Structure formats: C-alpha cells, structure tokens
Amino acid sequence: MKVVTINGSAKKEGNTYHALRMVGAQLEENGIDFEIIHIGNKAVRGCLAYGN
C-alpha cells in the first residue's frame, strides 16, 4: 500500500509539511509507503466539465 498526501501550503517545508512527515513516519513504521506532493506553488483549477 502507498499513501500519497497533498501539501497545499505556500511554504513547502512549513507546519503542514512537518505534520505530514509525522504521519508519514508512523505509516513507514507500519510498512506503508508514503509520499508528499507539494502543490502550494501551483495554480489549481476546478473541473472544466469536459468543455461544457
């Protein structure tokens, strides 16, 4: 199993990152793969409803 987390904070290694790392450490201790994806510096848009 792998858990992917999303960090939406503008600060790449701020409090949200450190909280996610704490969760990730527990997951890894239990043999679960863990990854953080940082999107705080990206423009995120809503659904485009496939052109509608």
N, C-alpha and C. Protein backbone atom coordinates (compact mmCIF):
# COMPACT_ATOMS: atom_id res chain seq x y z
N MET A 1 0.85 -1.17 0.00
CA MET A 1 0.00 0.00 0.00
C MET A 1 0.90 1.23 0.00
N LYS A 2 0.39 2.30 -0.61
CA LYS A 2 1.10 3.57 -0.61
C LYS A 2 0.11 4.68 -0.29
N VAL A 3 0.51 5.60 0.57
CA VAL A 3 -0.31 6.75 0.92
C VAL A 3 0.33 7.98 0.29
N VAL A 4 -0.46 8.73 -0.46
CA VAL A 4 0.01 9.97 -1.07
C VAL A 4 -0.70 11.12 -0.38
N THR A 5 0.07 12.07 0.12
CA THR A 5 -0.51 13.24 0.78
C THR A 5 -0.27 14.47 -0.07
N ILE A 6 -1.12 15.44 0.08
CA ILE A 6 -1.04 16.68 -0.68
C ILE A 6 -0.74 17.82 0.30
N ASN A 7 0.34 18.53 0.03
CA ASN A 7 0.69 19.71 0.82
C ASN A 7 0.32 20.94 -0.02
N GLY A 8 -0.75 21.62 0.37
CA GLY A 8 -1.22 22.78 -0.36
C GLY A 8 -0.71 24.10 0.19
N SER A 9 0.15 24.05 1.18
CA SER A 9 0.68 25.26 1.79
C SER A 9 1.66 25.96 0.87
N ALA A 10 1.67 27.28 0.93
CA ALA A 10 2.63 28.04 0.14
C ALA A 10 4.06 27.84 0.65
N LYS A 11 4.19 27.47 1.92
CA LYS A 11 5.51 27.20 2.50
C LYS A 11 5.80 25.70 2.34
N LYS A 12 6.71 25.38 1.44
CA LYS A 12 6.97 23.99 1.09
C LYS A 12 7.35 23.14 2.30
N GLU A 13 8.11 23.68 3.23
CA GLU A 13 8.50 22.91 4.41
C GLU A 13 8.04 23.60 5.70
N GLY A 14 6.81 24.10 5.67
CA GLY A 14 6.22 24.75 6.84
C GLY A 14 5.56 23.74 7.77
N ASN A 15 4.62 24.21 8.57
CA ASN A 15 3.96 23.36 9.57
C ASN A 15 3.21 22.20 8.96
N THR A 16 2.53 22.44 7.82
CA THR A 16 1.79 21.36 7.17
C THR A 16 2.73 20.24 6.76
N TYR A 17 3.86 20.58 6.18
CA TYR A 17 4.86 19.60 5.78
C TYR A 17 5.32 18.77 6.99
N HIS A 18 5.61 19.46 8.09
CA HIS A 18 6.10 18.74 9.27
C HIS A 18 5.02 17.84 9.87
N ALA A 19 3.77 18.26 9.82
CA ALA A 19 2.68 17.41 10.29
C ALA A 19 2.55 16.17 9.40
N LEU A 20 2.66 16.37 8.09
CA LEU A 20 2.59 15.24 7.16
C LEU A 20 3.76 14.28 7.37
N ARG A 21 4.93 14.81 7.68
CA ARG A 21 6.09 13.95 7.94
C ARG A 21 5.87 13.11 9.20
N MET A 22 5.22 13.69 10.20
CA MET A 22 4.93 12.94 11.43
C MET A 22 3.99 11.78 11.13
N VAL A 23 2.97 12.05 10.34
CA VAL A 23 2.05 10.98 9.93
C VAL A 23 2.80 9.95 9.10
N GLY A 24 3.63 10.43 8.17
CA GLY A 24 4.40 9.55 7.30
C GLY A 24 5.33 8.64 8.08
N ALA A 25 5.93 9.15 9.13
CA ALA A 25 6.84 8.33 9.95
C ALA A 25 6.09 7.16 10.57
N GLN A 26 4.87 7.41 11.04
CA GLN A 26 4.07 6.33 11.61
C GLN A 26 3.67 5.31 10.55
N LEU A 27 3.32 5.80 9.37
CA LEU A 27 2.96 4.89 8.28
C LEU A 27 4.14 4.01 7.90
N GLU A 28 5.31 4.62 7.76
CA GLU A 28 6.50 3.88 7.37
C GLU A 28 6.89 2.85 8.42
N GLU A 29 6.67 3.16 9.70
CA GLU A 29 6.94 2.19 10.77
C GLU A 29 6.07 0.95 10.63
N ASN A 30 4.91 1.13 9.99
CA ASN A 30 3.98 0.02 9.79
C ASN A 30 4.08 -0.57 8.39
N GLY A 31 5.17 -0.27 7.68
CA GLY A 31 5.43 -0.87 6.39
C GLY A 31 4.64 -0.29 5.23
N ILE A 32 4.12 0.92 5.40
CA ILE A 32 3.32 1.56 4.36
C ILE A 32 4.16 2.64 3.69
N ASP A 33 4.25 2.59 2.35
CA ASP A 33 4.97 3.62 1.61
C ASP A 33 4.24 4.95 1.74
N PHE A 34 4.99 6.03 1.67
CA PHE A 34 4.44 7.35 1.93
C PHE A 34 5.10 8.37 1.02
N GLU A 35 4.31 9.30 0.49
CA GLU A 35 4.84 10.35 -0.38
C GLU A 35 4.09 11.65 -0.13
N ILE A 36 4.82 12.76 -0.18
CA ILE A 36 4.21 14.09 -0.07
C ILE A 36 4.32 14.75 -1.44
N ILE A 37 3.20 15.24 -1.94
CA ILE A 37 3.20 16.02 -3.17
C ILE A 37 2.89 17.47 -2.80
N HIS A 38 3.77 18.37 -3.19
CA HIS A 38 3.61 19.79 -2.85
C HIS A 38 2.95 20.52 -4.02
N ILE A 39 1.77 21.09 -3.78
CA ILE A 39 1.08 21.84 -4.83
C ILE A 39 0.84 23.30 -4.43
N GLY A 40 1.40 23.73 -3.33
CA GLY A 40 1.18 25.08 -2.83
C GLY A 40 1.70 26.17 -3.74
N ASN A 41 2.58 25.81 -4.66
CA ASN A 41 3.12 26.80 -5.59
C ASN A 41 2.55 26.65 -6.99
N LYS A 42 1.48 25.87 -7.13
CA LYS A 42 0.88 25.62 -8.44
C LYS A 42 -0.52 26.25 -8.52
N ALA A 43 -0.90 26.62 -9.72
CA ALA A 43 -2.28 27.10 -9.94
C ALA A 43 -3.18 25.89 -10.09
N VAL A 44 -4.13 25.74 -9.18
CA VAL A 44 -5.05 24.60 -9.19
C VAL A 44 -6.42 25.10 -9.62
N ARG A 45 -6.95 24.51 -10.67
CA ARG A 45 -8.25 24.92 -11.20
C ARG A 45 -9.31 23.88 -10.87
N GLY A 46 -10.52 24.31 -10.93
CA GLY A 46 -11.65 23.40 -10.73
C GLY A 46 -11.92 22.60 -11.99
N CYS A 47 -12.94 21.76 -11.94
CA CYS A 47 -13.33 20.92 -13.06
C CYS A 47 -13.76 21.78 -14.25
N LEU A 48 -13.34 21.38 -15.44
CA LEU A 48 -13.74 22.08 -16.65
C LEU A 48 -14.97 21.45 -17.30
N ALA A 49 -15.53 20.41 -16.69
CA ALA A 49 -16.73 19.72 -17.14
C ALA A 49 -16.63 19.29 -18.60
N TYR A 50 -15.44 18.87 -18.99
CA TYR A 50 -15.18 18.35 -20.33
C TYR A 50 -15.74 19.26 -21.41
N GLY A 51 -15.49 20.55 -21.27
CA GLY A 51 -15.85 21.53 -22.30
C GLY A 51 -17.25 22.11 -22.17
N ASN A 52 -18.01 21.71 -21.16
CA ASN A 52 -19.38 22.25 -21.00
C ASN A 52 -19.37 23.55 -20.27
